[in-house]
């Protein structure tokens, strides 16, 4: 069973924003879109850029890389726009007692 780690209060990650965290030795980003929290690797699969510095499109629930504009689905990590061709890793999230929790291993 996955071990969840609290990363932030729910009100610290507002709709349409993304924040970076280090959990263990893994750099992750957490975004909120349509009331849901999504966790994913903070590094773009196309080139080394921090996705937490990108923009969240709340209409499509995607994150856009700030370097070359690649876009990734927040829920699945699937590529939604080039130049990236490889998906990013995503992680399960849950909310417990007002805290966003992320599981890195299943």
PDB file of N, CA and C in Angstrom:
ATOM      1  N   UNK A   1       0.834  -1.183   0.000  1.00  0.00           N
ATOM      2  CA  UNK A   1       0.000   0.000   0.000  1.00  0.00           C
ATOM      3  C   UNK A   1       0.875   1.241   0.000  1.00  0.00           C
ATOM      4  N   UNK A   2       0.425   2.262  -0.711  1.00  0.00           N
ATOM      5  CA  UNK A   2       1.172   3.513  -0.833  1.00  0.00           C
ATOM      6  C   UNK A   2       1.180   4.274   0.480  1.00  0.00           C
ATOM      7  N   UNK A   3       2.308   4.900   0.778  1.00  0.00           N
ATOM      8  CA  UNK A   3       2.409   5.758   1.945  1.00  0.00           C
ATOM      9  C   UNK A   3       2.252   7.198   1.482  1.00  0.00           C
ATOM     10  N   UNK A   4       1.271   7.878   2.029  1.00  0.00           N
ATOM     11  CA  UNK A   4       1.005   9.267   1.662  1.00  0.00           C
ATOM     12  C   UNK A   4       1.783  10.208   2.579  1.00  0.00           C
ATOM     13  N   UNK A   5       2.241  11.318   1.983  1.00  0.00           N
ATOM     14  CA  UNK A   5       2.984  12.342   2.709  1.00  0.00           C
ATOM     15  C   UNK A   5       2.267  13.673   2.511  1.00  0.00           C
ATOM     16  N   UNK A   6       2.006  14.380   3.604  1.00  0.00           N
ATOM     17  CA  UNK A   6       1.377  15.700   3.508  1.00  0.00           C
ATOM     18  C   UNK A   6       2.382  16.692   2.951  1.00  0.00           C
ATOM     19  N   UNK A   7       1.933  17.481   1.945  1.00  0.00           N
ATOM     20  CA  UNK A   7       2.835  18.463   1.329  1.00  0.00           C
ATOM     21  C   UNK A   7       2.379  19.897   1.540  1.00  0.00           C
ATOM     22  N   UNK A   8       1.077  20.127   1.712  1.00  0.00           N
ATOM     23  CA  UNK A   8       0.589  21.511   1.859  1.00  0.00           C
ATOM     24  C   UNK A   8      -0.847  21.507   2.339  1.00  0.00           C
ATOM     25  N   UNK A   9      -1.244  22.623   2.918  1.00  0.00           N
ATOM     26  CA  UNK A   9      -2.656  22.823   3.251  1.00  0.00           C
ATOM     27  C   UNK A   9      -3.421  23.035   1.948  1.00  0.00           C
ATOM     28  N   UNK A  10      -4.672  22.600   1.913  1.00  0.00           N
ATOM     29  CA  UNK A  10      -5.465  22.722   0.695  1.00  0.00           C
ATOM     30  C   UNK A  10      -5.604  24.179   0.251  1.00  0.00           C
ATOM     31  N   UNK A  11      -5.700  25.098   1.191  1.00  0.00           N
ATOM     32  CA  UNK A  11      -5.868  26.498   0.802  1.00  0.00           C
ATOM     33  C   UNK A  11      -4.557  27.156   0.356  1.00  0.00           C
ATOM     34  N   UNK A  12      -3.443  26.438   0.438  1.00  0.00           N
ATOM     35  CA  UNK A  12      -2.157  26.974  -0.019  1.00  0.00           C
ATOM     36  C   UNK A  12      -1.964  26.789  -1.522  1.00  0.00           C
ATOM     37  N   UNK A  13      -2.744  25.885  -2.118  1.00  0.00           N
ATOM     38  CA  UNK A  13      -2.648  25.644  -3.556  1.00  0.00           C
ATOM     39  C   UNK A  13      -4.015  25.974  -4.153  1.00  0.00           C
ATOM     40  N   UNK A  14      -4.165  27.201  -4.579  1.00  0.00           N
ATOM     41  CA  UNK A  14      -5.455  27.661  -5.077  1.00  0.00           C
ATOM     42  C   UNK A  14      -5.677  27.214  -6.521  1.00  0.00           C
ATOM     43  N   UNK A  15      -6.911  27.245  -6.930  1.00  0.00           N
ATOM     44  CA  UNK A  15      -7.311  26.855  -8.282  1.00  0.00           C
ATOM     45  C   UNK A  15      -6.434  27.532  -9.334  1.00  0.00           C
ATOM     46  N   UNK A  16      -5.906  26.718 -10.233  1.00  0.00           N
ATOM     47  CA  UNK A  16      -5.120  27.252 -11.330  1.00  0.00           C
ATOM     48  C   UNK A  16      -3.666  27.550 -11.011  1.00  0.00           C
ATOM     49  N   UNK A  17      -3.223  27.161  -9.820  1.00  0.00           N
ATOM     50  CA  UNK A  17      -1.825  27.396  -9.459  1.00  0.00           C
ATOM     51  C   UNK A  17      -1.089  26.074  -9.322  1.00  0.00           C
ATOM     52  N   UNK A  18       0.234  26.165  -9.295  1.00  0.00           N
ATOM     53  CA  UNK A  18       1.087  24.990  -9.129  1.00  0.00           C
ATOM     54  C   UNK A  18       2.233  25.370  -8.200  1.00  0.00           C
ATOM     55  N   UNK A  19       2.629  24.426  -7.333  1.00  0.00           N
ATOM     56  CA  UNK A  19       3.728  24.659  -6.408  1.00  0.00           C
ATOM     57  C   UNK A  19       4.661  23.456  -6.415  1.00  0.00           C
ATOM     58  N   UNK A  20       5.937  23.711  -6.168  1.00  0.00           N
ATOM     59  CA  UNK A  20       6.947  22.654  -6.134  1.00  0.00           C
ATOM     60  C   UNK A  20       7.205  22.209  -4.698  1.00  0.00           C
ATOM     61  N   UNK A  21       7.533  20.916  -4.561  1.00  0.00           N
ATOM     62  CA  UNK A  21       7.877  20.319  -3.279  1.00  0.00           C
ATOM     63  C   UNK A  21       8.949  19.266  -3.503  1.00  0.00           C
ATOM     64  N   UNK A  22       9.717  18.995  -2.467  1.00  0.00           N
ATOM     65  CA  UNK A  22      10.642  17.865  -2.494  1.00  0.00           C
ATOM     66  C   UNK A  22      10.139  16.875  -1.456  1.00  0.00           C
ATOM     67  N   UNK A  23       9.845  15.670  -1.908  1.00  0.00           N
ATOM     68  CA  UNK A  23       9.382  14.610  -1.024  1.00  0.00           C
ATOM     69  C   UNK A  23      10.433  13.504  -1.089  1.00  0.00           C
ATOM     70  N   UNK A  24      11.136  13.305   0.024  1.00  0.00           N
ATOM     71  CA  UNK A  24      12.272  12.393  -0.004  1.00  0.00           C
ATOM     72  C   UNK A  24      13.320  13.000  -0.915  1.00  0.00           C
ATOM     73  N   UNK A  25      13.646  12.298  -1.997  1.00  0.00           N
ATOM     74  CA  UNK A  25      14.594  12.845  -2.972  1.00  0.00           C
ATOM     75  C   UNK A  25      13.934  13.094  -4.322  1.00  0.00           C
ATOM     76  N   UNK A  26      12.593  13.207  -4.317  1.00  0.00           N
ATOM     77  CA  UNK A  26      11.840  13.394  -5.552  1.00  0.00           C
ATOM     78  C   UNK A  26      11.275  14.818  -5.613  1.00  0.00           C
ATOM     79  N   UNK A  27      11.546  15.500  -6.739  1.00  0.00           N
ATOM     80  CA  UNK A  27      10.974  16.827  -6.965  1.00  0.00           C
ATOM     81  C   UNK A  27       9.618  16.654  -7.617  1.00  0.00           C
ATOM     82  N   UNK A  28       8.582  17.127  -6.945  1.00  0.00           N
ATOM     83  CA  UNK A  28       7.232  17.031  -7.498  1.00  0.00           C
ATOM     84  C   UNK A  28       6.610  18.410  -7.583  1.00  0.00           C
ATOM     85  N   UNK A  29       5.524  18.481  -8.324  1.00  0.00           N
ATOM     86  CA  UNK A  29       4.714  19.689  -8.387  1.00  0.00           C
ATOM     87  C   UNK A  29       3.279  19.272  -8.097  1.00  0.00           C
ATOM     88  N   UNK A  30       2.535  20.157  -7.475  1.00  0.00           N
ATOM     89  CA  UNK A  30       1.128  19.908  -7.169  1.00  0.00           C
ATOM     90  C   UNK A  30       0.322  21.087  -7.693  1.00  0.00           C
ATOM     91  N   UNK A  31      -0.730  20.767  -8.429  1.00  0.00           N
ATOM     92  CA  UNK A  31      -1.605  21.796  -8.993  1.00  0.00           C
ATOM     93  C   UNK A  31      -3.042  21.495  -8.618  1.00  0.00           C
ATOM     94  N   UNK A  32      -3.871  22.541  -8.637  1.00  0.00           N
ATOM     95  CA  UNK A  32      -5.301  22.362  -8.428  1.00  0.00           C
ATOM     96  C   UNK A  32      -6.031  22.806  -9.690  1.00  0.00           C
ATOM     97  N   UNK A  33      -6.954  21.953 -10.143  1.00  0.00           N
ATOM     98  CA  UNK A  33      -7.772  22.257 -11.305  1.00  0.00           C
ATOM     99  C   UNK A  33      -9.160  21.654 -11.092  1.00  0.00           C
ATOM    100  N   UNK A  34     -10.179  22.477 -11.274  1.00  0.00           N
ATOM    101  CA  UNK A  34     -11.567  22.054 -11.095  1.00  0.00           C
ATOM    102  C   UNK A  34     -11.797  21.384  -9.737  1.00  0.00           C
ATOM    103  N   UNK A  35     -11.129  21.931  -8.700  1.00  0.00           N
ATOM    104  CA  UNK A  35     -11.314  21.447  -7.347  1.00  0.00           C
ATOM    105  C   UNK A  35     -10.541  20.192  -6.998  1.00  0.00           C
ATOM    106  N   UNK A  36      -9.807  19.631  -7.944  1.00  0.00           N
ATOM    107  CA  UNK A  36      -9.016  18.428  -7.708  1.00  0.00           C
ATOM    108  C   UNK A  36      -7.546  18.800  -7.603  1.00  0.00           C
ATOM    109  N   UNK A  37      -6.800  18.028  -6.809  1.00  0.00           N
ATOM    110  CA  UNK A  37      -5.361  18.218  -6.693  1.00  0.00           C
ATOM    111  C   UNK A  37      -4.650  17.141  -7.491  1.00  0.00           C
ATOM    112  N   UNK A  38      -3.612  17.562  -8.208  1.00  0.00           N
ATOM    113  CA  UNK A  38      -2.840  16.664  -9.067  1.00  0.00           C
ATOM    114  C   UNK A  38      -1.366  16.807  -8.725  1.00  0.00           C
ATOM    115  N   UNK A  39      -0.669  15.674  -8.616  1.00  0.00           N
ATOM    116  CA  UNK A  39       0.767  15.685  -8.341  1.00  0.00           C
ATOM    117  C   UNK A  39       1.489  15.018  -9.504  1.00  0.00           C
ATOM    118  N   UNK A  40       2.638  15.575  -9.846  1.00  0.00           N
ATOM    119  CA  UNK A  40       3.405  15.074 -10.985  1.00  0.00           C
ATOM    120  C   UNK A  40       4.860  15.480 -10.812  1.00  0.00           C
ATOM    121  N   UNK A  41       5.735  14.836 -11.590  1.00  0.00           N
ATOM    122  CA  UNK A  41       7.140  15.202 -11.540  1.00  0.00           C
ATOM    123  C   UNK A  41       7.291  16.674 -11.896  1.00  0.00           C
ATOM    124  N   UNK A  42       8.248  17.329 -11.272  1.00  0.00           N
ATOM    125  CA  UNK A  42       8.434  18.757 -11.514  1.00  0.00           C
ATOM    126  C   UNK A  42       9.305  19.032 -12.738  1.00  0.00           C
ATOM    127  N   UNK A  43       9.871  18.001 -13.340  1.00  0.00           N
ATOM    128  CA  UNK A  43      10.788  18.176 -14.465  1.00  0.00           C
ATOM    129  C   UNK A  43      10.106  17.766 -15.765  1.00  0.00           C
ATOM    130  N   UNK A  44      10.139  18.645 -16.764  1.00  0.00           N
ATOM    131  CA  UNK A  44       9.562  18.359 -18.073  1.00  0.00           C
ATOM    132  C   UNK A  44      10.293  17.184 -18.717  1.00  0.00           C
ATOM    133  N   UNK A  45       9.577  16.338 -19.426  1.00  0.00           N
ATOM    134  CA  UNK A  45      10.176  15.182 -20.092  1.00  0.00           C
ATOM    135  C   UNK A  45      10.912  15.566 -21.376  1.00  0.00           C
ATOM    136  N   UNK A  46      10.709  16.764 -21.861  1.00  0.00           N
ATOM    137  CA  UNK A  46      11.340  17.201 -23.109  1.00  0.00           C
ATOM    138  C   UNK A  46      12.722  17.807 -22.879  1.00  0.00           C
ATOM    139  N   UNK A  47      12.815  18.711 -21.944  1.00  0.00           N
ATOM    140  CA  UNK A  47      14.077  19.372 -21.611  1.00  0.00           C
ATOM    141  C   UNK A  47      14.008  19.745 -20.138  1.00  0.00           C
ATOM    142  N   UNK A  48      15.156  19.914 -19.513  1.00  0.00           N
ATOM    143  CA  UNK A  48      15.163  20.185 -18.073  1.00  0.00           C
ATOM    144  C   UNK A  48      14.594  21.578 -17.794  1.00  0.00           C
ATOM    145  N   UNK A  49      13.337  21.581 -17.406  1.00  0.00           N
ATOM    146  CA  UNK A  49      12.649  22.815 -17.016  1.00  0.00           C
ATOM    147  C   UNK A  49      11.688  22.447 -15.895  1.00  0.00           C
ATOM    148  N   UNK A  50      11.470  23.378 -14.984  1.00  0.00           N
ATOM    149  CA  UNK A  50      10.590  23.130 -13.855  1.00  0.00           C
ATOM    150  C   UNK A  50       9.144  23.429 -14.235  1.00  0.00           C
ATOM    151  N   UNK A  51       8.323  22.394 -14.210  1.00  0.00           N
ATOM    152  CA  UNK A  51       6.910  22.564 -14.552  1.00  0.00           C
ATOM    153  C   UNK A  51       6.195  23.463 -13.551  1.00  0.00           C
ATOM    154  N   UNK A  52       6.703  23.524 -12.328  1.00  0.00           N
ATOM    155  CA  UNK A  52       6.085  24.401 -11.325  1.00  0.00           C
ATOM    156  C   UNK A  52       6.216  25.880 -11.699  1.00  0.00           C
ATOM    157  N   UNK A  53       7.054  26.185 -12.680  1.00  0.00           N
ATOM    158  CA  UNK A  53       7.190  27.559 -13.168  1.00  0.00           C
ATOM    159  C   UNK A  53       6.297  27.801 -14.381  1.00  0.00           C
ATOM    160  N   UNK A  54       5.565  26.762 -14.787  1.00  0.00           N
ATOM    161  CA  UNK A  54       4.670  26.867 -15.932  1.00  0.00           C
ATOM    162  C   UNK A  54       3.286  27.329 -15.528  1.00  0.00           C
ATOM    163  N   UNK A  55       2.379  27.301 -16.494  1.00  0.00           N
ATOM    164  CA  UNK A  55       1.010  27.749 -16.254  1.00  0.00           C
ATOM    165  C   UNK A  55       0.030  26.587 -16.321  1.00  0.00           C
ATOM    166  N   UNK A  56      -0.970  26.642 -15.465  1.00  0.00           N
ATOM    167  CA  UNK A  56      -2.044  25.659 -15.463  1.00  0.00           C
ATOM    168  C   UNK A  56      -3.191  26.208 -16.305  1.00  0.00           C
ATOM    169  N   UNK A  57      -3.617  25.445 -17.288  1.00  0.00           N
ATOM    170  CA  UNK A  57      -4.796  25.787 -18.084  1.00  0.00           C
ATOM    171  C   UNK A  57      -5.975  25.099 -17.411  1.00  0.00           C
ATOM    172  N   UNK A  58      -6.815  25.888 -16.739  1.00  0.00           N
ATOM    173  CA  UNK A  58      -7.924  25.306 -15.979  1.00  0.00           C
ATOM    174  C   UNK A  58      -9.083  24.857 -16.860  1.00  0.00           C
ATOM    175  N   UNK A  59      -9.117  25.288 -18.109  1.00  0.00           N
ATOM    176  CA  UNK A  59     -10.162  24.809 -19.018  1.00  0.00           C
ATOM    177  C   UNK A  59      -9.893  23.372 -19.444  1.00  0.00           C
ATOM    178  N   UNK A  60      -8.613  23.039 -19.631  1.00  0.00           N
ATOM    179  CA  UNK A  60      -8.231  21.706 -20.110  1.00  0.00           C
ATOM    180  C   UNK A  60      -7.556  20.849 -19.045  1.00  0.00           C
ATOM    181  N   UNK A  61      -7.267  21.421 -17.877  1.00  0.00           N
ATOM    182  CA  UNK A  61      -6.529  20.750 -16.798  1.00  0.00           C
ATOM    183  C   UNK A  61      -5.205  20.184 -17.321  1.00  0.00           C
ATOM    184  N   UNK A  62      -4.387  21.095 -17.858  1.00  0.00           N
ATOM    185  CA  UNK A  62      -3.047  20.746 -18.328  1.00  0.00           C
ATOM    186  C   UNK A  62      -2.046  21.732 -17.735  1.00  0.00           C
ATOM    187  N   UNK A  63      -0.788  21.294 -17.663  1.00  0.00           N
ATOM    188  CA  UNK A  63       0.304  22.158 -17.253  1.00  0.00           C
ATOM    189  C   UNK A  63       1.157  22.430 -18.482  1.00  0.00           C
ATOM    190  N   UNK A  64       1.553  23.687 -18.668  1.00  0.00           N
ATOM    191  CA  UNK A  64       2.387  24.068 -19.793  1.00  0.00           C
ATOM    192  C   UNK A  64       3.807  24.335 -19.316  1.00  0.00           C
ATOM    193  N   UNK A  65       4.764  23.699 -19.955  1.00  0.00           N
ATOM    194  CA  UNK A  65       6.171  23.896 -19.621  1.00  0.00           C
ATOM    195  C   UNK A  65       6.577  25.325 -19.974  1.00  0.00           C
ATOM    196  N   UNK A  66       7.290  26.010 -19.068  1.00  0.00           N
ATOM    197  CA  UNK A  66       7.676  27.392 -19.329  1.00  0.00           C
ATOM    198  C   UNK A  66       8.805  27.534 -20.355  1.00  0.00           C
ATOM    199  N   UNK A  67       9.502  26.453 -20.677  1.00  0.00           N
ATOM    200  CA  UNK A  67      10.655  26.552 -21.561  1.00  0.00           C
ATOM    201  C   UNK A  67      10.278  26.500 -23.036  1.00  0.00           C
ATOM    202  N   UNK A  68       9.558  25.448 -23.455  1.00  0.00           N
ATOM    203  CA  UNK A  68       9.218  25.289 -24.869  1.00  0.00           C
ATOM    204  C   UNK A  68       7.722  25.144 -25.134  1.00  0.00           C
ATOM    205  N   UNK A  69       6.902  25.207 -24.087  1.00  0.00           N
ATOM    206  CA  UNK A  69       5.460  25.182 -24.291  1.00  0.00           C
ATOM    207  C   UNK A  69       4.825  23.811 -24.390  1.00  0.00           C
ATOM    208  N   UNK A  70       5.573  22.745 -24.104  1.00  0.00           N
ATOM    209  CA  UNK A  70       4.951  21.412 -24.078  1.00  0.00           C
ATOM    210  C   UNK A  70       3.844  21.425 -23.032  1.00  0.00           C
ATOM    211  N   UNK A  71       2.784  20.651 -23.281  1.00  0.00           N
ATOM    212  CA  UNK A  71       1.649  20.611 -22.358  1.00  0.00           C
ATOM    213  C   UNK A  71       1.372  19.162 -21.967  1.00  0.00           C
ATOM    214  N   UNK A  72       1.019  18.982 -20.691  1.00  0.00           N
ATOM    215  CA  UNK A  72       0.782  17.654 -20.148  1.00  0.00           C
ATOM    216  C   UNK A  72      -0.543  17.622 -19.393  1.00  0.00           C
ATOM    217  N   UNK A  73      -1.274  16.521 -19.548  1.00  0.00           N
ATOM    218  CA  UNK A  73      -2.521  16.288 -18.826  1.00  0.00           C
ATOM    219  C   UNK A  73      -2.196  16.132 -17.344  1.00  0.00           C
ATOM    220  N   UNK A  74      -2.859  16.880 -16.484  1.00  0.00           N
ATOM    221  CA  UNK A  74      -2.582  16.809 -15.050  1.00  0.00           C
ATOM    222  C   UNK A  74      -2.939  15.459 -14.443  1.00  0.00           C
ATOM    223  N   UNK A  75      -3.977  14.823 -14.922  1.00  0.00           N
ATOM    224  CA  UNK A  75      -4.428  13.563 -14.338  1.00  0.00           C
ATOM    225  C   UNK A  75      -3.575  12.372 -14.766  1.00  0.00           C
ATOM    226  N   UNK A  76      -3.147  12.364 -16.018  1.00  0.00           N
ATOM    227  CA  UNK A  76      -2.467  11.182 -16.557  1.00  0.00           C
ATOM    228  C   UNK A  76      -0.996  11.400 -16.887  1.00  0.00           C
ATOM    229  N   UNK A  77      -0.581  12.644 -17.033  1.00  0.00           N
ATOM    230  CA  UNK A  77       0.777  12.947 -17.447  1.00  0.00           C
ATOM    231  C   UNK A  77       0.982  12.856 -18.952  1.00  0.00           C
ATOM    232  N   UNK A  78      -0.064  12.498 -19.667  1.00  0.00           N
ATOM    233  CA  UNK A  78       0.011  12.327 -21.119  1.00  0.00           C
ATOM    234  C   UNK A  78       0.338  13.651 -21.816  1.00  0.00           C
ATOM    235  N   UNK A  79       1.139  13.560 -22.869  1.00  0.00           N
ATOM    236  CA  UNK A  79       1.505  14.738 -23.638  1.00  0.00           C
ATOM    237  C   UNK A  79       0.276  15.255 -24.372  1.00  0.00           C
ATOM    238  N   UNK A  80       0.028  16.555 -24.263  1.00  0.00           N
ATOM    239  CA  UNK A  80      -1.085  17.206 -24.952  1.00  0.00           C
ATOM    240  C   UNK A  80      -0.623  18.197 -26.009  1.00  0.00           C
ATOM    241  N   UNK A  81       0.673  18.550 -25.994  1.00  0.00           N
ATOM    242  CA  UNK A  81       1.217  19.450 -27.012  1.00  0.00           C
ATOM    243  C   UNK A  81       2.724  19.243 -27.115  1.00  0.00           C
ATOM    244  N   UNK A  82       3.217  19.239 -28.330  1.00  0.00           N
ATOM    245  CA  UNK A  82       4.645  19.121 -28.605  1.00  0.00           C
ATOM    246  C   UNK A  82       5.353  20.376 -28.113  1.00  0.00           C
ATOM    247  N   UNK A  83       6.645  20.336 -27.902  1.00  0.00           N
ATOM    248  CA  UNK A  83       7.586  19.390 -28.464  1.00  0.00           C
ATOM    249  C   UNK A  83       7.821  18.126 -27.646  1.00  0.00           C
ATOM    250  N   UNK A  84       7.268  18.015 -26.453  1.00  0.00           N
ATOM    251  CA  UNK A  84       7.444  16.779 -25.674  1.00  0.00           C
ATOM    252  C   UNK A  84       6.781  15.613 -26.397  1.00  0.00           C
ATOM    253  N   UNK A  85       7.387  14.451 -26.278  1.00  0.00           N
ATOM    254  CA  UNK A  85       6.801  13.235 -26.844  1.00  0.00           C
ATOM    255  C   UNK A  85       6.626  12.157 -25.782  1.00  0.00           C
ATOM    256  N   UNK A  86       7.274  12.334 -24.632  1.00  0.00           N
ATOM    257  CA  UNK A  86       7.181  11.376 -23.535  1.00  0.00           C
ATOM    258  C   UNK A  86       6.317  11.962 -22.422  1.00  0.00           C
ATOM    259  N   UNK A  87       5.453  11.146 -21.814  1.00  0.00           N
ATOM    260  CA  UNK A  87       4.619  11.645 -20.718  1.00  0.00           C
ATOM    261  C   UNK A  87       5.454  11.933 -19.467  1.00  0.00           C
ATOM    262  N   UNK A  88       4.857  12.624 -18.530  1.00  0.00           N
ATOM    263  CA  UNK A  88       5.489  12.846 -17.231  1.00  0.00           C
ATOM    264  C   UNK A  88       4.843  11.904 -16.225  1.00  0.00           C
ATOM    265  N   UNK A  89       5.560  11.639 -15.158  1.00  0.00           N
ATOM    266  CA  UNK A  89       5.033  10.757 -14.117  1.00  0.00           C
ATOM    267  C   UNK A  89       4.040  11.518 -13.246  1.00  0.00           C
ATOM    268  N   UNK A  90       2.956  10.843 -12.891  1.00  0.00           N
ATOM    269  CA  UNK A  90       1.960  11.420 -11.992  1.00  0.00           C
ATOM    270  C   UNK A  90       1.885  10.567 -10.730  1.00  0.00           C
ATOM    271  N   UNK A  91       1.358  11.168  -9.660  1.00  0.00           N
ATOM    272  CA  UNK A  91       1.290  10.497  -8.365  1.00  0.00           C
ATOM    273  C   UNK A  91      -0.108  10.651  -7.778  1.00  0.00           C
ATOM    274  N   UNK A  92      -0.557   9.638  -7.035  1.00  0.00           N
ATOM    275  CA  UNK A  92      -1.870   9.742  -6.391  1.00  0.00           C
ATOM    276  C   UNK A  92      -1.883  10.841  -5.323  1.00  0.00           C
ATOM    277  N   UNK A  93      -3.025  11.502  -5.207  1.00  0.00           N
ATOM    278  CA  UNK A  93      -3.203  12.515  -4.163  1.00  0.00           C
ATOM    279  C   UNK A  93      -4.490  12.223  -3.407  1.00  0.00           C
ATOM    280  N   UNK A  94      -4.561  12.794  -2.229  1.00  0.00           N
ATOM    281  CA  UNK A  94      -5.798  12.756  -1.443  1.00  0.00           C
ATOM    282  C   UNK A  94      -5.761  13.939  -0.493  1.00  0.00           C
ATOM    283  N   UNK A  95      -6.932  14.274   0.035  1.00  0.00           N
ATOM    284  CA  UNK A  95      -7.030  15.351   1.012  1.00  0.00           C
ATOM    285  C   UNK A  95      -7.487  14.740   2.332  1.00  0.00           C
ATOM    286  N   UNK A  96      -6.705  15.001   3.384  1.00  0.00           N
ATOM    287  CA  UNK A  96      -7.016  14.505   4.724  1.00  0.00           C
ATOM    288  C   UNK A  96      -6.854  15.659   5.706  1.00  0.00           C
ATOM    289  N   UNK A  97      -7.909  15.966   6.415  1.00  0.00           N
ATOM    290  CA  UNK A  97      -7.885  17.029   7.433  1.00  0.00           C
ATOM    291  C   UNK A  97      -7.305  18.336   6.905  1.00  0.00           C
ATOM    292  N   UNK A  98      -7.720  18.716   5.697  1.00  0.00           N
ATOM    293  CA  UNK A  98      -7.294  19.980   5.127  1.00  0.00           C
ATOM    294  C   UNK A  98      -5.884  19.993   4.572  1.00  0.00           C
ATOM    295  N   UNK A  99      -5.265  18.818   4.457  1.00  0.00           N
ATOM    296  CA  UNK A  99      -3.908  18.708   3.933  1.00  0.00           C
ATOM    297  C   UNK A  99      -3.915  17.910   2.630  1.00  0.00           C
ATOM    298  N   UNK A 100      -3.156  18.397   1.636  1.00  0.00           N
ATOM    299  CA  UNK A 100      -2.966  17.649   0.406  1.00  0.00           C
ATOM    300  C   UNK A 100      -1.854  16.639   0.664  1.00  0.00           C
ATOM    301  N   UNK A 101      -2.153  15.366   0.418  1.00  0.00           N
ATOM    302  CA  UNK A 101      -1.180  14.306   0.611  1.00  0.00           C
ATOM    303  C   UNK A 101      -0.867  13.655  -0.730  1.00  0.00           C
ATOM    304  N   UNK A 102       0.394  13.252  -0.907  1.00  0.00           N
ATOM    305  CA  UNK A 102       0.860  12.647  -2.147  1.00  0.00           C
ATOM    306  C   UNK A 102       1.528  11.319  -1.818  1.00  0.00           C
ATOM    307  N   UNK A 103       1.285  10.316  -2.669  1.00  0.00           N
ATOM    308  CA  UNK A 103       1.938   9.011  -2.531  1.00  0.00           C
ATOM    309  C   UNK A 103       2.920   8.842  -3.688  1.00  0.00           C
ATOM    310  N   UNK A 104       4.180   8.593  -3.379  1.00  0.00           N
ATOM    311  CA  UNK A 104       5.178   8.447  -4.431  1.00  0.00           C
ATOM    312  C   UNK A 104       5.368   7.002  -4.879  1.00  0.00           C
ATOM    313  N   UNK A 105       5.082   6.056  -4.014  1.00  0.00           N
ATOM    314  CA  UNK A 105       5.246   4.635  -4.384  1.00  0.00           C
ATOM    315  C   UNK A 105       3.945   3.913  -4.106  1.00  0.00           C
ATOM    316  N   UNK A 106       3.652   2.954  -4.988  1.00  0.00           N
ATOM    317  CA  UNK A 106       2.422   2.172  -4.791  1.00  0.00           C
ATOM    318  C   UNK A 106       2.756   0.763  -4.383  1.00  0.00           C
TER     319      UNK A 106
END
